Amino acid sequence: MLLVLLLGVLGFVGIGIIATSIASEQETATMILMMMQITMMFLSGTLYPIEQLPAWMQMIAKAIPLTYAVTALRKVMVLGAPLTVISGEISILIIIAAVSISIAIPLFERAITK
């Protein structure tokens, strides 16, 4: 469970840094992140099953990192699944965290030096 939470946090920290680096003002970054957060909550399967969404929304949900964190946490906490069962979700979270952090660091350095 801690591994899933850590990978989710790393991915979302990267996304947050990207949003704040791109935004011109703090209020703009806050609005962007709130819009993303609300959208992710509705599409990630946190509130209701993804299978009940229309097909085009299911494709969007599969591109959201929170979907994989929620799925993995649900499997671990409710079903008591071992690490091998959630290995797919963990590998996707690792990829998302690595990509978002690797994009965020140069963007943040560029934003600081402006």
PDB file of N, CA and C in Angstrom:
ATOM      1  N   MET A   1       0.827  -1.186   0.000  1.00  0.00           N
ATOM      2  CA  MET A   1       0.000   0.000   0.000  1.00  0.00           C
ATOM      3  C   MET A   1       0.877   1.259   0.000  1.00  0.00           C
ATOM      4  N   LEU A   2       1.945   1.239   0.792  1.00  0.00           N
ATOM      5  CA  LEU A   2       2.837   2.403   0.852  1.00  0.00           C
ATOM      6  C   LEU A   2       3.529   2.652  -0.481  1.00  0.00           C
ATOM      7  N   LEU A   3       3.878   1.579  -1.175  1.00  0.00           N
ATOM      8  CA  LEU A   3       4.523   1.725  -2.481  1.00  0.00           C
ATOM      9  C   LEU A   3       3.581   2.415  -3.468  1.00  0.00           C
ATOM     10  N   VAL A   4       2.335   2.003  -3.487  1.00  0.00           N
ATOM     11  CA  VAL A   4       1.353   2.618  -4.386  1.00  0.00           C
ATOM     12  C   VAL A   4       1.174   4.093  -4.037  1.00  0.00           C
ATOM     13  N   LEU A   5       1.061   4.386  -2.753  1.00  0.00           N
ATOM     14  CA  LEU A   5       0.904   5.783  -2.330  1.00  0.00           C
ATOM     15  C   LEU A   5       2.122   6.623  -2.703  1.00  0.00           C
ATOM     16  N   LEU A   6       3.311   6.077  -2.501  1.00  0.00           N
ATOM     17  CA  LEU A   6       4.539   6.807  -2.832  1.00  0.00           C
ATOM     18  C   LEU A   6       4.630   7.085  -4.330  1.00  0.00           C
ATOM     19  N   LEU A   7       4.342   6.082  -5.141  1.00  0.00           N
ATOM     20  CA  LEU A   7       4.404   6.274  -6.590  1.00  0.00           C
ATOM     21  C   LEU A   7       3.333   7.257  -7.071  1.00  0.00           C
ATOM     22  N   GLY A   8       2.145   7.174  -6.473  1.00  0.00           N
ATOM     23  CA  GLY A   8       1.094   8.130  -6.818  1.00  0.00           C
ATOM     24  C   GLY A   8       1.482   9.545  -6.465  1.00  0.00           C
ATOM     25  N   VAL A   9       2.048   9.716  -5.288  1.00  0.00           N
ATOM     26  CA  VAL A   9       2.478  11.055  -4.851  1.00  0.00           C
ATOM     27  C   VAL A   9       3.569  11.590  -5.771  1.00  0.00           C
ATOM     28  N   LEU A  10       4.529  10.761  -6.132  1.00  0.00           N
ATOM     29  CA  LEU A  10       5.594  11.209  -7.037  1.00  0.00           C
ATOM     30  C   LEU A  10       5.033  11.660  -8.384  1.00  0.00           C
ATOM     31  N   GLY A  11       4.092  10.899  -8.902  1.00  0.00           N
ATOM     32  CA  GLY A  11       3.482  11.272 -10.175  1.00  0.00           C
ATOM     33  C   GLY A  11       2.718  12.580 -10.091  1.00  0.00           C
ATOM     34  N   PHE A  12       1.972  12.744  -9.003  1.00  0.00           N
ATOM     35  CA  PHE A  12       1.184  13.969  -8.854  1.00  0.00           C
ATOM     36  C   PHE A  12       2.040  15.170  -8.497  1.00  0.00           C
ATOM     37  N   VAL A  13       3.135  14.962  -7.802  1.00  0.00           N
ATOM     38  CA  VAL A  13       4.061  16.070  -7.548  1.00  0.00           C
ATOM     39  C   VAL A  13       4.648  16.556  -8.873  1.00  0.00           C
ATOM     40  N   GLY A  14       5.019  15.615  -9.730  1.00  0.00           N
ATOM     41  CA  GLY A  14       5.528  15.989 -11.044  1.00  0.00           C
ATOM     42  C   GLY A  14       4.507  16.765 -11.851  1.00  0.00           C
ATOM     43  N   ILE A  15       3.252  16.312 -11.826  1.00  0.00           N
ATOM     44  CA  ILE A  15       2.187  17.010 -12.545  1.00  0.00           C
ATOM     45  C   ILE A  15       1.969  18.400 -11.956  1.00  0.00           C
ATOM     46  N   GLY A  16       2.017  18.517 -10.648  1.00  0.00           N
ATOM     47  CA  GLY A  16       1.856  19.814  -9.996  1.00  0.00           C
ATOM     48  C   GLY A  16       2.971  20.779 -10.339  1.00  0.00           C
ATOM     49  N   ILE A  17       4.201  20.271 -10.367  1.00  0.00           N
ATOM     50  CA  ILE A  17       5.335  21.127 -10.715  1.00  0.00           C
ATOM     51  C   ILE A  17       5.240  21.571 -12.168  1.00  0.00           C
ATOM     52  N   ILE A  18       4.806  20.684 -13.041  1.00  0.00           N
ATOM     53  CA  ILE A  18       4.632  21.047 -14.450  1.00  0.00           C
ATOM     54  C   ILE A  18       3.596  22.167 -14.578  1.00  0.00           C
ATOM     55  N   ALA A  19       2.467  22.005 -13.883  1.00  0.00           N
ATOM     56  CA  ALA A  19       1.405  23.021 -13.966  1.00  0.00           C
ATOM     57  C   ALA A  19       1.868  24.359 -13.411  1.00  0.00           C
ATOM     58  N   THR A  20       2.584  24.347 -12.299  1.00  0.00           N
ATOM     59  CA  THR A  20       3.036  25.610 -11.720  1.00  0.00           C
ATOM     60  C   THR A  20       4.160  26.238 -12.532  1.00  0.00           C
ATOM     61  N   SER A  21       4.939  25.434 -13.216  1.00  0.00           N
ATOM     62  CA  SER A  21       6.012  25.977 -14.054  1.00  0.00           C
ATOM     63  C   SER A  21       5.466  26.626 -15.317  1.00  0.00           C
ATOM     64  N   ILE A  22       4.385  26.083 -15.826  1.00  0.00           N
ATOM     65  CA  ILE A  22       3.797  26.615 -17.054  1.00  0.00           C
ATOM     66  C   ILE A  22       2.970  27.866 -16.778  1.00  0.00           C
ATOM     67  N   ALA A  23       2.283  27.890 -15.641  1.00  0.00           N
ATOM     68  CA  ALA A  23       1.388  29.005 -15.316  1.00  0.00           C
ATOM     69  C   ALA A  23       2.182  30.278 -15.046  1.00  0.00           C
ATOM     70  N   SER A  24       1.586  31.383 -15.438  1.00  0.00           N
ATOM     71  CA  SER A  24       2.268  32.663 -15.246  1.00  0.00           C
ATOM     72  C   SER A  24       2.094  33.198 -13.828  1.00  0.00           C
ATOM     73  N   GLU A  25       0.989  32.868 -13.180  1.00  0.00           N
ATOM     74  CA  GLU A  25       0.727  33.342 -11.828  1.00  0.00           C
ATOM     75  C   GLU A  25       0.280  32.183 -10.949  1.00  0.00           C
ATOM     76  N   GLN A  26       0.389  32.360  -9.655  1.00  0.00           N
ATOM     77  CA  GLN A  26       0.014  31.312  -8.712  1.00  0.00           C
ATOM     78  C   GLN A  26      -1.476  30.986  -8.803  1.00  0.00           C
ATOM     79  N   GLU A  27      -2.310  31.982  -8.997  1.00  0.00           N
ATOM     80  CA  GLU A  27      -3.746  31.758  -9.089  1.00  0.00           C
ATOM     81  C   GLU A  27      -4.091  30.917 -10.310  1.00  0.00           C
ATOM     82  N   THR A  28      -3.380  31.148 -11.408  1.00  0.00           N
ATOM     83  CA  THR A  28      -3.604  30.367 -12.619  1.00  0.00           C
ATOM     84  C   THR A  28      -3.244  28.916 -12.376  1.00  0.00           C
ATOM     85  N   ALA A  29      -2.123  28.665 -11.724  1.00  0.00           N
ATOM     86  CA  ALA A  29      -1.716  27.294 -11.424  1.00  0.00           C
ATOM     87  C   ALA A  29      -2.722  26.613 -10.515  1.00  0.00           C
ATOM     88  N   THR A  30      -3.232  27.336  -9.538  1.00  0.00           N
ATOM     89  CA  THR A  30      -4.227  26.772  -8.628  1.00  0.00           C
ATOM     90  C   THR A  30      -5.496  26.388  -9.381  1.00  0.00           C
ATOM     91  N   MET A  31      -5.932  27.239 -10.286  1.00  0.00           N
ATOM     92  CA  MET A  31      -7.128  26.934 -11.071  1.00  0.00           C
ATOM     93  C   MET A  31      -6.915  25.725 -11.969  1.00  0.00           C
ATOM     94  N   ILE A  32      -5.747  25.649 -12.603  1.00  0.00           N
ATOM     95  CA  ILE A  32      -5.445  24.507 -13.463  1.00  0.00           C
ATOM     96  C   ILE A  32      -5.451  23.220 -12.658  1.00  0.00           C
ATOM     97  N   LEU A  33      -4.793  23.237 -11.508  1.00  0.00           N
ATOM     98  CA  LEU A  33      -4.705  22.028 -10.687  1.00  0.00           C
ATOM     99  C   LEU A  33      -6.056  21.628 -10.102  1.00  0.00           C
ATOM    100  N   MET A  34      -6.865  22.586  -9.711  1.00  0.00           N
ATOM    101  CA  MET A  34      -8.198  22.254  -9.198  1.00  0.00           C
ATOM    102  C   MET A  34      -9.076  21.650 -10.290  1.00  0.00           C
ATOM    103  N   MET A  35      -8.981  22.190 -11.490  1.00  0.00           N
ATOM    104  CA  MET A  35      -9.742  21.645 -12.605  1.00  0.00           C
ATOM    105  C   MET A  35      -9.307  20.211 -12.903  1.00  0.00           C
ATOM    106  N   MET A  36      -8.006  19.977 -12.872  1.00  0.00           N
ATOM    107  CA  MET A  36      -7.496  18.628 -13.105  1.00  0.00           C
ATOM    108  C   MET A  36      -7.921  17.683 -11.984  1.00  0.00           C
ATOM    109  N   GLN A  37      -7.857  18.166 -10.755  1.00  0.00           N
ATOM    110  CA  GLN A  37      -8.188  17.334  -9.602  1.00  0.00           C
ATOM    111  C   GLN A  37      -9.653  16.896  -9.631  1.00  0.00           C
ATOM    112  N   ILE A  38     -10.538  17.814  -9.900  1.00  0.00           N
ATOM    113  CA  ILE A  38     -11.956  17.481  -9.940  1.00  0.00           C
ATOM    114  C   ILE A  38     -12.252  16.505 -11.077  1.00  0.00           C
ATOM    115  N   THR A  39     -11.654  16.747 -12.239  1.00  0.00           N
ATOM    116  CA  THR A  39     -11.842  15.851 -13.371  1.00  0.00           C
ATOM    117  C   THR A  39     -11.323  14.456 -13.053  1.00  0.00           C
ATOM    118  N   MET A  40     -10.151  14.380 -12.446  1.00  0.00           N
ATOM    119  CA  MET A  40      -9.590  13.075 -12.102  1.00  0.00           C
ATOM    120  C   MET A  40     -10.462  12.327 -11.104  1.00  0.00           C
ATOM    121  N   MET A  41     -11.006  13.045 -10.131  1.00  0.00           N
ATOM    122  CA  MET A  41     -11.849  12.389  -9.128  1.00  0.00           C
ATOM    123  C   MET A  41     -13.075  11.738  -9.767  1.00  0.00           C
ATOM    124  N   PHE A  42     -13.689  12.418 -10.735  1.00  0.00           N
ATOM    125  CA  PHE A  42     -14.886  11.875 -11.358  1.00  0.00           C
ATOM    126  C   PHE A  42     -14.580  10.747 -12.348  1.00  0.00           C
ATOM    127  N   LEU A  43     -13.442  10.809 -13.005  1.00  0.00           N
ATOM    128  CA  LEU A  43     -13.152   9.826 -14.049  1.00  0.00           C
ATOM    129  C   LEU A  43     -12.294   8.654 -13.596  1.00  0.00           C
ATOM    130  N   SER A  44     -11.727   8.692 -12.408  1.00  0.00           N
ATOM    131  CA  SER A  44     -10.758   7.671 -12.009  1.00  0.00           C
ATOM    132  C   SER A  44     -11.354   6.419 -11.394  1.00  0.00           C
ATOM    133  N   GLY A  45     -12.626   6.395 -11.154  1.00  0.00           N
ATOM    134  CA  GLY A  45     -13.228   5.240 -10.507  1.00  0.00           C
ATOM    135  C   GLY A  45     -13.288   5.378  -8.998  1.00  0.00           C
ATOM    136  N   THR A  46     -12.959   6.540  -8.489  1.00  0.00           N
ATOM    137  CA  THR A  46     -13.026   6.772  -7.052  1.00  0.00           C
ATOM    138  C   THR A  46     -14.466   6.827  -6.578  1.00  0.00           C
ATOM    139  N   LEU A  47     -15.315   7.490  -7.316  1.00  0.00           N
ATOM    140  CA  LEU A  47     -16.697   7.690  -6.899  1.00  0.00           C
ATOM    141  C   LEU A  47     -17.649   6.622  -7.437  1.00  0.00           C
ATOM    142  N   TYR A  48     -17.390   6.126  -8.640  1.00  0.00           N
ATOM    143  CA  TYR A  48     -18.230   5.090  -9.235  1.00  0.00           C
ATOM    144  C   TYR A  48     -17.384   4.310 -10.242  1.00  0.00           C
ATOM    145  N   PRO A  49     -17.811   3.098 -10.592  1.00  0.00           N
ATOM    146  CA  PRO A  49     -16.989   2.253 -11.483  1.00  0.00           C
ATOM    147  C   PRO A  49     -16.775   2.867 -12.865  1.00  0.00           C
ATOM    148  N   ILE A  50     -15.580   2.690 -13.368  1.00  0.00           N
ATOM    149  CA  ILE A  50     -15.230   3.202 -14.700  1.00  0.00           C
ATOM    150  C   ILE A  50     -16.066   2.518 -15.779  1.00  0.00           C
ATOM    151  N   GLU A  51     -16.439   1.284 -15.537  1.00  0.00           N
ATOM    152  CA  GLU A  51     -17.213   0.528 -16.517  1.00  0.00           C
ATOM    153  C   GLU A  51     -18.564   1.172 -16.808  1.00  0.00           C
ATOM    154  N   GLN A  52     -19.071   2.015 -15.924  1.00  0.00           N
ATOM    155  CA  GLN A  52     -20.355   2.673 -16.133  1.00  0.00           C
ATOM    156  C   GLN A  52     -20.230   3.934 -16.984  1.00  0.00           C
ATOM    157  N   LEU A  53     -19.015   4.350 -17.267  1.00  0.00           N
ATOM    158  CA  LEU A  53     -18.791   5.529 -18.098  1.00  0.00           C
ATOM    159  C   LEU A  53     -18.977   5.175 -19.573  1.00  0.00           C
ATOM    160  N   PRO A  54     -19.295   6.154 -20.407  1.00  0.00           N
ATOM    161  CA  PRO A  54     -19.302   5.909 -21.854  1.00  0.00           C
ATOM    162  C   PRO A  54     -17.898   5.512 -22.330  1.00  0.00           C
ATOM    163  N   ALA A  55     -17.822   4.868 -23.468  1.00  0.00           N
ATOM    164  CA  ALA A  55     -16.551   4.327 -23.968  1.00  0.00           C
ATOM    165  C   ALA A  55     -15.480   5.406 -24.114  1.00  0.00           C
ATOM    166  N   TRP A  56     -15.854   6.579 -24.600  1.00  0.00           N
ATOM    167  CA  TRP A  56     -14.850   7.628 -24.806  1.00  0.00           C
ATOM    168  C   TRP A  56     -14.324   8.155 -23.473  1.00  0.00           C
ATOM    169  N   MET A  57     -15.160   8.161 -22.439  1.00  0.00           N
ATOM    170  CA  MET A  57     -14.696   8.581 -21.117  1.00  0.00           C
ATOM    171  C   MET A  57     -13.826   7.511 -20.467  1.00  0.00           C
ATOM    172  N   GLN A  58     -14.086   6.248 -20.777  1.00  0.00           N
ATOM    173  CA  GLN A  58     -13.240   5.175 -20.261  1.00  0.00           C
ATOM    174  C   GLN A  58     -11.826   5.294 -20.800  1.00  0.00           C
ATOM    175  N   MET A  59     -11.696   5.722 -22.062  1.00  0.00           N
ATOM    176  CA  MET A  59     -10.361   5.918 -22.628  1.00  0.00           C
ATOM    177  C   MET A  59      -9.634   7.053 -21.918  1.00  0.00           C
ATOM    178  N   ILE A  60     -10.339   8.118 -21.591  1.00  0.00           N
ATOM    179  CA  ILE A  60      -9.746   9.228 -20.846  1.00  0.00           C
ATOM    180  C   ILE A  60      -9.353   8.758 -19.454  1.00  0.00           C
ATOM    181  N   ALA A  61     -10.216   7.970 -18.825  1.00  0.00           N
ATOM    182  CA  ALA A  61      -9.943   7.467 -17.468  1.00  0.00           C
ATOM    183  C   ALA A  61      -8.686   6.611 -17.428  1.00  0.00           C
ATOM    184  N   LYS A  62      -8.426   5.878 -18.505  1.00  0.00           N
ATOM    185  CA  LYS A  62      -7.226   5.036 -18.537  1.00  0.00           C
ATOM    186  C   LYS A  62      -5.944   5.841 -18.738  1.00  0.00           C
ATOM    187  N   ALA A  63      -6.074   7.125 -19.073  1.00  0.00           N
ATOM    188  CA  ALA A  63      -4.909   7.991 -19.208  1.00  0.00           C
ATOM    189  C   ALA A  63      -4.631   8.770 -17.930  1.00  0.00           C
ATOM    190  N   ILE A  64      -5.483   8.609 -16.930  1.00  0.00           N
ATOM    191  CA  ILE A  64      -5.358   9.354 -15.685  1.00  0.00           C
ATOM    192  C   ILE A  64      -4.586   8.518 -14.659  1.00  0.00           C
ATOM    193  N   PRO A  65      -3.546   9.074 -14.056  1.00  0.00           N
ATOM    194  CA  PRO A  65      -2.752   8.310 -13.081  1.00  0.00           C
ATOM    195  C   PRO A  65      -3.548   7.877 -11.848  1.00  0.00           C
ATOM    196  N   LEU A  66      -4.514   8.677 -11.444  1.00  0.00           N
ATOM    197  CA  LEU A  66      -5.296   8.341 -10.262  1.00  0.00           C
ATOM    198  C   LEU A  66      -6.076   7.044 -10.452  1.00  0.00           C
ATOM    199  N   THR A  67      -6.444   6.723 -11.677  1.00  0.00           N
ATOM    200  CA  THR A  67      -7.158   5.481 -11.956  1.00  0.00           C
ATOM    201  C   THR A  67      -6.343   4.278 -11.494  1.00  0.00           C
ATOM    202  N   TYR A  68      -5.065   4.277 -11.794  1.00  0.00           N
ATOM    203  CA  TYR A  68      -4.215   3.138 -11.448  1.00  0.00           C
ATOM    204  C   TYR A  68      -3.915   3.091  -9.957  1.00  0.00           C
ATOM    205  N   ALA A  69      -3.787   4.248  -9.340  1.00  0.00           N
ATOM    206  CA  ALA A  69      -3.571   4.279  -7.892  1.00  0.00           C
ATOM    207  C   ALA A  69      -4.809   3.785  -7.156  1.00  0.00           C
ATOM    208  N   VAL A  70      -5.980   4.228  -7.594  1.00  0.00           N
ATOM    209  CA  VAL A  70      -7.232   3.799  -6.955  1.00  0.00           C
ATOM    210  C   VAL A  70      -7.443   2.301  -7.145  1.00  0.00           C
ATOM    211  N   THR A  71      -7.209   1.815  -8.346  1.00  0.00           N
ATOM    212  CA  THR A  71      -7.389   0.391  -8.623  1.00  0.00           C
ATOM    213  C   THR A  71      -6.451  -0.449  -7.773  1.00  0.00           C
ATOM    214  N   ALA A  72      -5.184  -0.058  -7.702  1.00  0.00           N
ATOM    215  CA  ALA A  72      -4.211  -0.815  -6.911  1.00  0.00           C
ATOM    216  C   ALA A  72      -4.551  -0.768  -5.422  1.00  0.00           C
ATOM    217  N   LEU A  73      -4.894   0.396  -4.918  1.00  0.00           N
ATOM    218  CA  LEU A  73      -5.246   0.508  -3.502  1.00  0.00           C
ATOM    219  C   LEU A  73      -6.505  -0.283  -3.173  1.00  0.00           C
ATOM    220  N   ARG A  74      -7.463  -0.274  -4.062  1.00  0.00           N
ATOM    221  CA  ARG A  74      -8.686  -1.050  -3.848  1.00  0.00           C
ATOM    222  C   ARG A  74      -8.373  -2.547  -3.801  1.00  0.00           C
ATOM    223  N   LYS A  75      -7.514  -3.012  -4.698  1.00  0.00           N
ATOM    224  CA  LYS A  75      -7.152  -4.427  -4.704  1.00  0.00           C
ATOM    225  C   LYS A  75      -6.412  -4.817  -3.429  1.00  0.00           C
ATOM    226  N   VAL A  76      -5.518  -3.953  -2.980  1.00  0.00           N
ATOM    227  CA  VAL A  76      -4.730  -4.265  -1.777  1.00  0.00           C
ATOM    228  C   VAL A  76      -5.594  -4.193  -0.523  1.00  0.00           C
ATOM    229  N   MET A  77      -6.358  -3.128  -0.391  1.00  0.00           N
ATOM    230  CA  MET A  77      -7.104  -2.901   0.844  1.00  0.00           C
ATOM    231  C   MET A  77      -8.352  -3.770   0.963  1.00  0.00           C
ATOM    232  N   VAL A  78      -9.064  -3.967  -0.125  1.00  0.00           N
ATOM    233  CA  VAL A  78     -10.308  -4.731  -0.064  1.00  0.00           C
ATOM    234  C   VAL A  78     -10.069  -6.222  -0.265  1.00  0.00           C
ATOM    235  N   LEU A  79      -9.260  -6.555  -1.266  1.00  0.00           N
ATOM    236  CA  LEU A  79      -9.051  -7.955  -1.599  1.00  0.00           C
ATOM    237  C   LEU A  79      -7.816  -8.557  -0.947  1.00  0.00           C
ATOM    238  N   GLY A  80      -6.954  -7.731  -0.364  1.00  0.00           N
ATOM    239  CA  GLY A  80      -5.719  -8.232   0.229  1.00  0.00           C
ATOM    240  C   GLY A  80      -4.759  -8.786  -0.806  1.00  0.00           C
ATOM    241  N   ALA A  81      -4.752  -8.180  -1.980  1.00  0.00           N
ATOM    242  CA  ALA A  81      -3.952  -8.670  -3.105  1.00  0.00           C
ATOM    243  C   ALA A  81      -2.460  -8.509  -2.826  1.00  0.00           C
ATOM    244  N   PRO A  82      -1.663  -9.498  -3.237  1.00  0.00           N
ATOM    245  CA  PRO A  82      -0.209  -9.365  -3.099  1.00  0.00           C
ATOM    246  C   PRO A  82       0.363  -8.455  -4.192  1.00  0.00           C
ATOM    247  N   LEU A  83       1.649  -8.211  -4.089  1.00  0.00           N
ATOM    248  CA  LEU A  83       2.338  -7.306  -5.012  1.00  0.00           C
ATOM    249  C   LEU A  83       2.258  -7.798  -6.461  1.00  0.00           C
ATOM    250  N   THR A  84       2.251  -9.104  -6.659  1.00  0.00           N
ATOM    251  CA  THR A  84       2.220  -9.640  -8.024  1.00  0.00           C
ATOM    252  C   THR A  84       0.913  -9.323  -8.741  1.00  0.00           C
ATOM    253  N   VAL A  85      -0.173  -9.202  -7.992  1.00  0.00           N
ATOM    254  CA  VAL A  85      -1.468  -8.922  -8.604  1.00  0.00           C
ATOM    255  C   VAL A  85      -1.553  -7.471  -9.080  1.00  0.00           C
ATOM    256  N   ILE A  86      -0.911  -6.570  -8.376  1.00  0.00           N
ATOM    257  CA  ILE A  86      -0.975  -5.146  -8.749  1.00  0.00           C
ATOM    258  C   ILE A  86       0.273  -4.688  -9.498  1.00  0.00           C
ATOM    259  N   SER A  87       1.031  -5.615 -10.012  1.00  0.00           N
ATOM    260  CA  SER A  87       2.276  -5.249 -10.704  1.00  0.00           C
ATOM    261  C   SER A  87       2.011  -4.397 -11.949  1.00  0.00           C
ATOM    262  N   GLY A  88       0.904  -4.621 -12.635  1.00  0.00           N
ATOM    263  CA  GLY A  88       0.573  -3.798 -13.807  1.00  0.00           C
ATOM    264  C   GLY A  88       0.331  -2.348 -13.430  1.00  0.00           C
ATOM    265  N   GLU A  89      -0.460  -2.148 -12.376  1.00  0.00           N
ATOM    266  CA  GLU A  89      -0.734  -0.789 -11.913  1.00  0.00           C
ATOM    267  C   GLU A  89       0.533  -0.114 -11.405  1.00  0.00           C
ATOM    268  N   ILE A  90       1.367  -0.876 -10.697  1.00  0.00           N
ATOM    269  CA  ILE A  90       2.618  -0.314 -10.167  1.00  0.00           C
ATOM    270  C   ILE A  90       3.547   0.093 -11.292  1.00  0.00           C
ATOM    271  N   SER A  91       3.645  -0.740 -12.329  1.00  0.00           N
ATOM    272  CA  SER A  91       4.537  -0.383 -13.433  1.00  0.00           C
ATOM    273  C   SER A  91       4.036   0.862 -14.165  1.00  0.00           C
ATOM    274  N   ILE A  92       2.729   1.007 -14.305  1.00  0.00           N
ATOM    275  CA  ILE A  92       2.191   2.214 -14.940  1.00  0.00           C
ATOM    276  C   ILE A  92       2.453   3.429 -14.064  1.00  0.00           C
ATOM    277  N   LEU A  93       2.281   3.294 -12.747  1.00  0.00           N
ATOM    278  CA  LEU A  93       2.565   4.404 -11.833  1.00  0.00           C
ATOM    279  C   LEU A  93       4.042   4.784 -11.851  1.00  0.00           C
ATOM    280  N   ILE A  94       4.924   3.803 -11.990  1.00  0.00           N
ATOM    281  CA  ILE A  94       6.361   4.095 -12.093  1.00  0.00           C
ATOM    282  C   ILE A  94       6.644   4.899 -13.360  1.00  0.00           C
ATOM    283  N   ILE A  95       6.044   4.490 -14.456  1.00  0.00           N
ATOM    284  CA  ILE A  95       6.241   5.201 -15.721  1.00  0.00           C
ATOM    285  C   ILE A  95       5.714   6.632 -15.624  1.00  0.00           C
ATOM    286  N   ILE A  96       4.529   6.793 -15.061  1.00  0.00           N
ATOM    287  CA  ILE A  96       3.942   8.125 -14.925  1.00  0.00           C
ATOM    288  C   ILE A  96       4.806   9.000 -14.030  1.00  0.00           C
ATOM    289  N   ALA A  97       5.271   8.441 -12.911  1.00  0.00           N
ATOM    290  CA  ALA A  97       6.118   9.213 -11.994  1.00  0.00           C
ATOM    291  C   ALA A  97       7.428   9.610 -12.670  1.00  0.00           C
ATOM    292  N   ALA A  98       8.054   8.666 -13.369  1.00  0.00           N
ATOM    293  CA  ALA A  98       9.328   8.960 -14.026  1.00  0.00           C
ATOM    294  C   ALA A  98       9.166  10.012 -15.116  1.00  0.00           C
ATOM    295  N   VAL A  99       8.133   9.880 -15.913  1.00  0.00           N
ATOM    296  CA  VAL A  99       7.916  10.833 -17.004  1.00  0.00           C
ATOM    297  C   VAL A  99       7.576  12.211 -16.456  1.00  0.00           C
ATOM    298  N   SER A 100       6.671  12.266 -15.479  1.00  0.00           N
ATOM    299  CA  SER A 100       6.267  13.580 -14.965  1.00  0.00           C
ATOM    300  C   SER A 100       7.410  14.285 -14.242  1.00  0.00           C
ATOM    301  N   ILE A 101       8.190  13.552 -13.468  1.00  0.00           N
ATOM    302  CA  ILE A 101       9.330  14.166 -12.776  1.00  0.00           C
ATOM    303  C   ILE A 101      10.404  14.586 -13.779  1.00  0.00           C
ATOM    304  N   SER A 102      10.650  13.760 -14.797  1.00  0.00           N
ATOM    305  CA  SER A 102      11.685  14.107 -15.776  1.00  0.00           C
ATOM    306  C   SER A 102      11.280  15.309 -16.630  1.00  0.00           C
ATOM    307  N   ILE A 103       9.999  15.530 -16.801  1.00  0.00           N
ATOM    308  CA  ILE A 103       9.540  16.736 -17.497  1.00  0.00           C
ATOM    309  C   ILE A 103       9.524  17.924 -16.540  1.00  0.00           C
ATOM    310  N   ALA A 104       9.135  17.679 -15.298  1.00  0.00           N
ATOM    311  CA  ALA A 104       8.964  18.762 -14.324  1.00  0.00           C
ATOM    312  C   ALA A 104      10.274  19.437 -13.942  1.00  0.00           C
ATOM    313  N   ILE A 105      11.336  18.672 -13.786  1.00  0.00           N
ATOM    314  CA  ILE A 105      12.597  19.244 -13.317  1.00  0.00           C
ATOM    315  C   ILE A 105      13.151  20.292 -14.286  1.00  0.00           C
ATOM    316  N   PRO A 106      13.278  19.997 -15.584  1.00  0.00           N
ATOM    317  CA  PRO A 106      13.768  21.052 -16.486  1.00  0.00           C
ATOM    318  C   PRO A 106      12.823  22.249 -16.600  1.00  0.00           C
ATOM    319  N   LEU A 107      11.519  21.979 -16.589  1.00  0.00           N
ATOM    320  CA  LEU A 107      10.566  23.092 -16.649  1.00  0.00           C
ATOM    321  C   LEU A 107      10.682  23.987 -15.424  1.00  0.00           C
ATOM    322  N   PHE A 108      10.855  23.382 -14.262  1.00  0.00           N
ATOM    323  CA  PHE A 108      10.977  24.156 -13.034  1.00  0.00           C
ATOM    324  C   PHE A 108      12.271  24.966 -13.027  1.00  0.00           C
ATOM    325  N   GLU A 109      13.368  24.338 -13.475  1.00  0.00           N
ATOM    326  CA  GLU A 109      14.642  25.061 -13.561  1.00  0.00           C
ATOM    327  C   GLU A 109      14.541  26.238 -14.523  1.00  0.00           C
ATOM    328  N   ARG A 110      13.857  26.046 -15.629  1.00  0.00           N
ATOM    329  CA  ARG A 110      13.674  27.126 -16.598  1.00  0.00           C
ATOM    330  C   ARG A 110      12.803  28.228 -16.017  1.00  0.00           C
ATOM    331  N   ALA A 111      11.757  27.855 -15.259  1.00  0.00           N
ATOM    332  CA  ALA A 111      10.870  28.857 -14.663  1.00  0.00           C
ATOM    333  C   ALA A 111      11.575  29.657 -13.575  1.00  0.00           C
ATOM    334  N   ILE A 112      12.485  29.018 -12.854  1.00  0.00           N
ATOM    335  CA  ILE A 112      13.225  29.710 -11.773  1.00  0.00           C
ATOM    336  C   ILE A 112      14.215  30.713 -12.360  1.00  0.00           C
ATOM    337  N   THR A 113      14.834  30.378 -13.472  1.00  0.00           N
ATOM    338  CA  THR A 113      15.860  31.234 -14.045  1.00  0.00           C
ATOM    339  C   THR A 113      15.300  32.391 -14.852  1.00  0.00           C
ATOM    340  N   LYS A 114      13.990  32.434 -15.044  1.00  0.00           N
ATOM    341  CA  LYS A 114      13.380  33.537 -15.797  1.00  0.00           C
ATOM    342  C   LYS A 114      13.537  34.847 -15.078  1.00  0.00           C
TER     343      LYS A 114
END
